[in-house]
Amino acid sequence: MLPETHLPKGMRGVIRCPSRANPPLLSVTWTRDGRPLELDKLPGWSVRPDGSIVVATGNDDALGLYRCTPYNSYGTAGESRPTRVLLKDPPAFTVRPKEEYFQEVGRELVIPCAARGDPPPTITWLKV
């Protein structure tokens, strides 16, 4: 388990329970801040077949210290290390490039692009 799990504010996110099981995984239980996590009381939250939690909308309800315990037909090897769930700002354009640019052949073309987020996003370009 990673020491920190980052969820995007206002967006869907996933808290993973990294595990291997042979025989296959049967279930995963979760705790948050030392208490059992009651997913039925968290609208839009669900558990994937691999035991990961899907958080419908990253907000203050998701903050906390999580641990997972995976089970198979033999039982469990125990609880995971904790992961602290933190909210981060998803990237957003502060300057968005236009759909098309025209420039004379041989002349320089500058296409502006800027974004903000937490952590600060990396901007990459792709020529289609």
N, C-alpha and C. Protein backbone atom coordinates (compact mmCIF):
# COMPACT_ATOMS: atom_id res chain seq x y z
N MET A 1 0.86 -1.18 0.00
CA MET A 1 0.00 0.00 0.00
C MET A 1 0.89 1.23 0.00
N LEU A 2 0.58 2.18 -0.87
CA LEU A 2 1.34 3.43 -0.90
C LEU A 2 1.02 4.25 0.35
N PRO A 3 1.98 5.03 0.85
CA PRO A 3 1.72 5.84 2.05
C PRO A 3 0.61 6.88 1.84
N GLU A 4 0.48 7.37 0.58
CA GLU A 4 -0.55 8.36 0.27
C GLU A 4 -1.29 7.94 -0.99
N THR A 5 -2.60 8.20 -1.00
CA THR A 5 -3.44 8.00 -2.18
C THR A 5 -4.07 9.34 -2.51
N HIS A 6 -3.87 9.83 -3.73
CA HIS A 6 -4.41 11.13 -4.13
C HIS A 6 -5.69 10.92 -4.93
N LEU A 7 -6.75 11.62 -4.52
CA LEU A 7 -8.00 11.60 -5.26
C LEU A 7 -8.24 12.99 -5.84
N PRO A 8 -8.77 13.06 -7.07
CA PRO A 8 -9.05 14.37 -7.67
C PRO A 8 -10.31 14.99 -7.06
N LYS A 9 -10.23 16.25 -6.65
CA LYS A 9 -11.38 16.95 -6.08
C LYS A 9 -12.51 17.00 -7.10
N GLY A 10 -13.71 16.66 -6.64
CA GLY A 10 -14.89 16.78 -7.47
C GLY A 10 -15.01 15.75 -8.58
N MET A 11 -14.11 14.77 -8.61
CA MET A 11 -14.12 13.78 -9.68
C MET A 11 -14.09 12.37 -9.08
N ARG A 12 -14.32 11.39 -9.95
CA ARG A 12 -14.26 9.99 -9.56
C ARG A 12 -12.81 9.61 -9.24
N GLY A 13 -12.62 8.78 -8.22
CA GLY A 13 -11.29 8.33 -7.86
C GLY A 13 -11.32 6.89 -7.34
N VAL A 14 -10.14 6.30 -7.20
CA VAL A 14 -10.03 4.91 -6.77
C VAL A 14 -8.99 4.79 -5.66
N ILE A 15 -9.34 4.03 -4.62
CA ILE A 15 -8.41 3.68 -3.55
C ILE A 15 -8.13 2.20 -3.74
N ARG A 16 -6.90 1.86 -4.07
CA ARG A 16 -6.56 0.48 -4.42
C ARG A 16 -6.10 -0.32 -3.20
N CYS A 17 -6.40 -1.62 -3.26
CA CYS A 17 -5.90 -2.58 -2.27
C CYS A 17 -4.99 -3.53 -3.03
N PRO A 18 -3.69 -3.24 -3.09
CA PRO A 18 -2.79 -4.09 -3.87
C PRO A 18 -2.60 -5.45 -3.19
N SER A 19 -3.05 -6.50 -3.86
CA SER A 19 -2.93 -7.84 -3.27
C SER A 19 -2.81 -8.89 -4.36
N ARG A 20 -2.24 -10.03 -3.98
CA ARG A 20 -2.17 -11.22 -4.83
C ARG A 20 -2.78 -12.35 -4.03
N ALA A 21 -3.53 -13.21 -4.69
CA ALA A 21 -4.16 -14.31 -3.97
C ALA A 21 -4.19 -15.56 -4.83
N ASN A 22 -3.79 -16.69 -4.22
CA ASN A 22 -3.88 -17.98 -4.86
C ASN A 22 -4.23 -18.98 -3.77
N PRO A 23 -5.44 -19.50 -3.72
CA PRO A 23 -6.58 -19.33 -4.61
C PRO A 23 -7.03 -17.87 -4.70
N PRO A 24 -7.89 -17.58 -5.70
CA PRO A 24 -8.27 -16.19 -5.98
C PRO A 24 -8.92 -15.46 -4.81
N LEU A 25 -8.83 -14.15 -4.91
CA LEU A 25 -9.42 -13.24 -3.93
C LEU A 25 -10.93 -13.47 -3.84
N LEU A 26 -11.43 -13.53 -2.61
CA LEU A 26 -12.88 -13.67 -2.40
C LEU A 26 -13.51 -12.36 -1.96
N SER A 27 -12.82 -11.64 -1.08
CA SER A 27 -13.38 -10.38 -0.58
C SER A 27 -12.27 -9.52 0.02
N VAL A 28 -12.61 -8.26 0.24
CA VAL A 28 -11.70 -7.29 0.88
C VAL A 28 -12.53 -6.48 1.87
N THR A 29 -12.02 -6.33 3.08
CA THR A 29 -12.66 -5.44 4.04
C THR A 29 -11.78 -4.19 4.19
N TRP A 30 -12.40 -3.08 4.51
CA TRP A 30 -11.71 -1.80 4.63
C TRP A 30 -12.00 -1.15 5.97
N THR A 31 -11.00 -0.43 6.49
CA THR A 31 -11.21 0.45 7.63
C THR A 31 -10.77 1.86 7.25
N ARG A 32 -11.42 2.83 7.86
CA ARG A 32 -11.00 4.23 7.71
C ARG A 32 -10.89 4.81 9.11
N ASP A 33 -9.71 5.35 9.40
CA ASP A 33 -9.43 5.92 10.72
C ASP A 33 -9.73 4.91 11.84
N GLY A 34 -9.39 3.63 11.57
CA GLY A 34 -9.51 2.59 12.58
C GLY A 34 -10.89 1.98 12.74
N ARG A 35 -11.88 2.44 11.99
CA ARG A 35 -13.24 1.89 12.09
C ARG A 35 -13.65 1.24 10.78
N PRO A 36 -14.51 0.22 10.83
CA PRO A 36 -14.95 -0.42 9.58
C PRO A 36 -15.59 0.61 8.65
N LEU A 37 -15.26 0.52 7.37
CA LEU A 37 -15.81 1.43 6.37
C LEU A 37 -17.17 0.90 5.94
N GLU A 38 -18.21 1.71 6.11
CA GLU A 38 -19.58 1.31 5.77
C GLU A 38 -19.95 1.96 4.43
N LEU A 39 -19.70 1.22 3.35
CA LEU A 39 -19.94 1.76 2.01
C LEU A 39 -21.41 2.06 1.74
N ASP A 40 -22.32 1.33 2.40
CA ASP A 40 -23.74 1.58 2.17
C ASP A 40 -24.17 2.96 2.68
N LYS A 41 -23.35 3.58 3.50
CA LYS A 41 -23.66 4.92 4.02
C LYS A 41 -22.95 6.02 3.23
N LEU A 42 -22.25 5.63 2.15
CA LEU A 42 -21.51 6.59 1.32
C LEU A 42 -22.06 6.52 -0.10
N PRO A 43 -23.02 7.39 -0.44
CA PRO A 43 -23.66 7.34 -1.76
C PRO A 43 -22.65 7.41 -2.90
N GLY A 44 -22.80 6.50 -3.85
CA GLY A 44 -21.95 6.50 -5.03
C GLY A 44 -20.64 5.74 -4.85
N TRP A 45 -20.33 5.29 -3.65
CA TRP A 45 -19.10 4.51 -3.41
C TRP A 45 -19.40 3.04 -3.69
N SER A 46 -18.40 2.32 -4.21
CA SER A 46 -18.58 0.89 -4.47
C SER A 46 -17.22 0.19 -4.39
N VAL A 47 -17.26 -1.14 -4.39
CA VAL A 47 -16.04 -1.94 -4.36
C VAL A 47 -15.95 -2.72 -5.66
N ARG A 48 -14.80 -2.68 -6.30
CA ARG A 48 -14.55 -3.45 -7.51
C ARG A 48 -14.25 -4.90 -7.14
N PRO A 49 -14.32 -5.81 -8.13
CA PRO A 49 -13.99 -7.22 -7.85
C PRO A 49 -12.56 -7.41 -7.30
N ASP A 50 -11.63 -6.49 -7.65
CA ASP A 50 -10.26 -6.61 -7.12
C ASP A 50 -10.11 -6.01 -5.72
N GLY A 51 -11.23 -5.54 -5.14
CA GLY A 51 -11.21 -5.00 -3.79
C GLY A 51 -10.99 -3.50 -3.70
N SER A 52 -10.69 -2.84 -4.82
CA SER A 52 -10.49 -1.39 -4.81
C SER A 52 -11.80 -0.66 -4.54
N ILE A 53 -11.71 0.47 -3.87
CA ILE A 53 -12.89 1.29 -3.60
C ILE A 53 -12.99 2.35 -4.71
N VAL A 54 -14.19 2.50 -5.27
CA VAL A 54 -14.45 3.55 -6.24
C VAL A 54 -15.20 4.65 -5.51
N VAL A 55 -14.62 5.85 -5.51
CA VAL A 55 -15.23 7.01 -4.86
C VAL A 55 -15.87 7.86 -5.96
N ALA A 56 -17.19 8.03 -5.88
CA ALA A 56 -17.92 8.72 -6.94
C ALA A 56 -17.44 10.16 -7.12
N THR A 57 -17.27 10.89 -6.03
CA THR A 57 -16.85 12.28 -6.08
C THR A 57 -15.85 12.55 -4.97
N GLY A 58 -14.64 12.93 -5.32
CA GLY A 58 -13.61 13.24 -4.33
C GLY A 58 -13.98 14.49 -3.54
N ASN A 59 -14.29 14.32 -2.25
CA ASN A 59 -14.58 15.46 -1.38
C ASN A 59 -14.11 15.12 0.03
N ASP A 60 -14.44 15.96 0.99
CA ASP A 60 -13.95 15.77 2.37
C ASP A 60 -14.40 14.44 2.98
N ASP A 61 -15.50 13.85 2.47
CA ASP A 61 -15.95 12.55 2.99
C ASP A 61 -14.91 11.46 2.76
N ALA A 62 -14.04 11.64 1.78
CA ALA A 62 -13.06 10.61 1.43
C ALA A 62 -11.77 10.70 2.24
N LEU A 63 -11.55 11.81 2.92
CA LEU A 63 -10.29 11.99 3.65
C LEU A 63 -10.18 11.00 4.80
N GLY A 64 -8.96 10.55 5.07
CA GLY A 64 -8.74 9.66 6.20
C GLY A 64 -7.60 8.70 5.97
N LEU A 65 -7.40 7.82 6.94
CA LEU A 65 -6.35 6.80 6.91
C LEU A 65 -7.01 5.45 6.68
N TYR A 66 -6.73 4.83 5.53
CA TYR A 66 -7.38 3.60 5.11
C TYR A 66 -6.45 2.40 5.22
N ARG A 67 -7.03 1.24 5.53
CA ARG A 67 -6.33 -0.04 5.50
C ARG A 67 -7.29 -1.05 4.89
N CYS A 68 -6.72 -2.00 4.14
CA CYS A 68 -7.55 -3.06 3.57
C CYS A 68 -7.05 -4.42 4.05
N THR A 69 -7.96 -5.38 4.08
CA THR A 69 -7.62 -6.76 4.43
C THR A 69 -8.22 -7.68 3.37
N PRO A 70 -7.37 -8.29 2.52
CA PRO A 70 -7.88 -9.19 1.48
C PRO A 70 -8.05 -10.62 2.04
N TYR A 71 -9.07 -11.33 1.53
CA TYR A 71 -9.35 -12.70 1.96
C TYR A 71 -9.49 -13.61 0.74
N ASN A 72 -9.02 -14.85 0.88
CA ASN A 72 -9.35 -15.90 -0.08
C ASN A 72 -9.86 -17.10 0.72
N SER A 73 -9.98 -18.26 0.08
CA SER A 73 -10.56 -19.42 0.78
C SER A 73 -9.70 -19.91 1.95
N TYR A 74 -8.44 -19.52 2.02
CA TYR A 74 -7.58 -19.89 3.15
C TYR A 74 -7.62 -18.88 4.29
N GLY A 75 -8.23 -17.73 4.05
CA GLY A 75 -8.27 -16.70 5.08
C GLY A 75 -7.55 -15.45 4.60
N THR A 76 -6.71 -14.89 5.46
CA THR A 76 -6.00 -13.64 5.13
C THR A 76 -4.59 -13.68 5.69
N ALA A 77 -3.71 -12.91 5.06
CA ALA A 77 -2.36 -12.72 5.57
C ALA A 77 -2.30 -11.48 6.45
N GLY A 78 -3.46 -10.81 6.62
CA GLY A 78 -3.51 -9.66 7.51
C GLY A 78 -3.85 -8.35 6.82
N GLU A 79 -3.83 -7.33 7.64
CA GLU A 79 -4.19 -5.98 7.21
C GLU A 79 -3.02 -5.31 6.50
N SER A 80 -3.35 -4.44 5.56
CA SER A 80 -2.33 -3.70 4.81
C SER A 80 -1.72 -2.60 5.67
N ARG A 81 -0.63 -2.03 5.16
CA ARG A 81 -0.13 -0.78 5.75
C ARG A 81 -1.17 0.29 5.46
N PRO A 82 -1.15 1.39 6.21
CA PRO A 82 -2.14 2.43 5.95
C PRO A 82 -1.78 3.29 4.74
N THR A 83 -2.82 3.84 4.12
CA THR A 83 -2.64 4.86 3.10
C THR A 83 -3.49 6.06 3.50
N ARG A 84 -2.92 7.25 3.46
CA ARG A 84 -3.65 8.47 3.78
C ARG A 84 -4.24 9.02 2.49
N VAL A 85 -5.56 9.19 2.46
CA VAL A 85 -6.22 9.73 1.27
C VAL A 85 -6.22 11.25 1.36
N LEU A 86 -5.70 11.87 0.30
CA LEU A 86 -5.62 13.32 0.19
C LEU A 86 -6.34 13.77 -1.08
N LEU A 87 -6.92 14.95 -1.05
CA LEU A 87 -7.58 15.50 -2.23
C LEU A 87 -6.61 16.42 -2.97
N LYS A 88 -6.62 16.33 -4.29
CA LYS A 88 -5.77 17.17 -5.13
C LYS A 88 -6.62 17.81 -6.20
N ASP A 89 -6.19 18.99 -6.67
CA ASP A 89 -6.91 19.69 -7.73
C ASP A 89 -6.56 19.07 -9.07
N PRO A 90 -7.55 18.59 -9.83
CA PRO A 90 -7.24 18.06 -11.16
C PRO A 90 -6.77 19.19 -12.06
N PRO A 91 -6.00 18.86 -13.10
CA PRO A 91 -5.51 19.90 -14.01
C PRO A 91 -6.66 20.66 -14.68
N ALA A 92 -6.45 21.95 -14.88
CA ALA A 92 -7.42 22.80 -15.59
C ALA A 92 -6.63 23.80 -16.42
N PHE A 93 -7.08 24.03 -17.65
CA PHE A 93 -6.42 25.00 -18.51
C PHE A 93 -6.60 26.41 -17.97
N THR A 94 -5.52 27.18 -17.95
CA THR A 94 -5.62 28.61 -17.71
C THR A 94 -5.49 29.34 -19.05
N VAL A 95 -4.79 28.72 -20.00
CA VAL A 95 -4.73 29.19 -21.39
C VAL A 95 -4.89 27.95 -22.26
N ARG A 96 -5.99 27.89 -23.01
CA ARG A 96 -6.27 26.72 -23.84
C ARG A 96 -5.93 27.04 -25.30
N PRO A 97 -5.20 26.13 -25.97
CA PRO A 97 -4.89 26.35 -27.39
C PRO A 97 -6.17 26.36 -28.23
N LYS A 98 -6.14 27.10 -29.35
CA LYS A 98 -7.28 27.12 -30.27
C LYS A 98 -7.32 25.82 -31.06
N GLU A 99 -8.44 25.59 -31.74
CA GLU A 99 -8.60 24.38 -32.56
C GLU A 99 -7.67 24.39 -33.77
N GLU A 100 -7.47 25.57 -34.40
CA GLU A 100 -6.64 25.67 -35.61
C GLU A 100 -5.79 26.92 -35.58
N TYR A 101 -4.62 26.82 -36.20
CA TYR A 101 -3.73 27.96 -36.36
C TYR A 101 -3.27 27.98 -37.81
N PHE A 102 -3.12 29.18 -38.36
CA PHE A 102 -2.60 29.35 -39.71
C PHE A 102 -1.39 30.27 -39.63
N GLN A 103 -0.33 29.93 -40.37
CA GLN A 103 0.87 30.75 -40.39
C GLN A 103 1.54 30.56 -41.75
N GLU A 104 2.20 31.60 -42.21
CA GLU A 104 2.92 31.51 -43.48
C GLU A 104 4.08 30.52 -43.34
N VAL A 105 4.36 29.82 -44.44
CA VAL A 105 5.46 28.86 -44.45
C VAL A 105 6.76 29.57 -44.11
N GLY A 106 7.56 28.94 -43.24
CA GLY A 106 8.86 29.50 -42.86
C GLY A 106 8.79 30.48 -41.71
N ARG A 107 7.60 30.84 -41.27
CA ARG A 107 7.46 31.78 -40.14
C ARG A 107 7.22 31.00 -38.85
N GLU A 108 7.65 31.59 -37.75
CA GLU A 108 7.47 30.96 -36.45
C GLU A 108 6.00 30.98 -36.04
N LEU A 109 5.55 29.90 -35.43
CA LEU A 109 4.20 29.81 -34.90
C LEU A 109 4.29 29.49 -33.42
N VAL A 110 3.70 30.32 -32.59
CA VAL A 110 3.69 30.10 -31.15
C VAL A 110 2.26 29.72 -30.75
N ILE A 111 2.11 28.56 -30.13
CA ILE A 111 0.81 28.09 -29.68
C ILE A 111 0.83 28.11 -28.15
N PRO A 112 0.04 28.98 -27.54
CA PRO A 112 0.07 29.09 -26.08
C PRO A 112 -0.72 27.97 -25.41
N CYS A 113 -0.24 27.55 -24.25
CA CYS A 113 -0.94 26.56 -23.43
C CYS A 113 -0.41 26.68 -22.01
N ALA A 114 -1.33 26.75 -21.06
CA ALA A 114 -0.95 26.79 -19.65
C ALA A 114 -2.05 26.12 -18.84
N ALA A 115 -1.65 25.52 -17.71
CA ALA A 115 -2.61 24.83 -16.86
C ALA A 115 -2.20 24.96 -15.41
N ARG A 116 -3.17 24.73 -14.53
CA ARG A 116 -2.90 24.74 -13.10
C ARG A 116 -3.45 23.45 -12.50
N GLY A 117 -2.99 23.10 -11.32
CA GLY A 117 -3.45 21.92 -10.60
C GLY A 117 -2.56 21.66 -9.41
N ASP A 118 -2.96 20.71 -8.58
CA ASP A 118 -2.17 20.34 -7.41
C ASP A 118 -2.07 18.83 -7.40
N PRO A 119 -0.91 18.27 -7.72
CA PRO A 119 0.37 18.93 -8.02
C PRO A 119 0.33 19.61 -9.39
N PRO A 120 1.26 20.55 -9.64
CA PRO A 120 1.27 21.26 -10.92
C PRO A 120 1.38 20.26 -12.09
N PRO A 121 0.51 20.42 -13.09
CA PRO A 121 0.53 19.47 -14.21
C PRO A 121 1.72 19.66 -15.12
N THR A 122 2.08 18.59 -15.81
CA THR A 122 3.08 18.61 -16.85
C THR A 122 2.34 18.71 -18.18
N ILE A 123 2.74 19.63 -19.03
CA ILE A 123 2.08 19.80 -20.32
C ILE A 123 2.90 19.08 -21.38
N THR A 124 2.23 18.23 -22.12
CA THR A 124 2.88 17.54 -23.23
C THR A 124 2.09 17.82 -24.51
N TRP A 125 2.76 17.72 -25.64
CA TRP A 125 2.16 18.02 -26.93
C TRP A 125 2.16 16.78 -27.80
N LEU A 126 1.14 16.68 -28.66
CA LEU A 126 1.03 15.59 -29.60
C LEU A 126 0.56 16.15 -30.93
N LYS A 127 1.28 15.84 -31.99
CA LYS A 127 0.86 16.28 -33.32
C LYS A 127 0.00 15.18 -33.91
N VAL A 128 -1.21 15.52 -34.28
CA VAL A 128 -2.14 14.53 -34.82
C VAL A 128 -2.06 14.52 -36.32
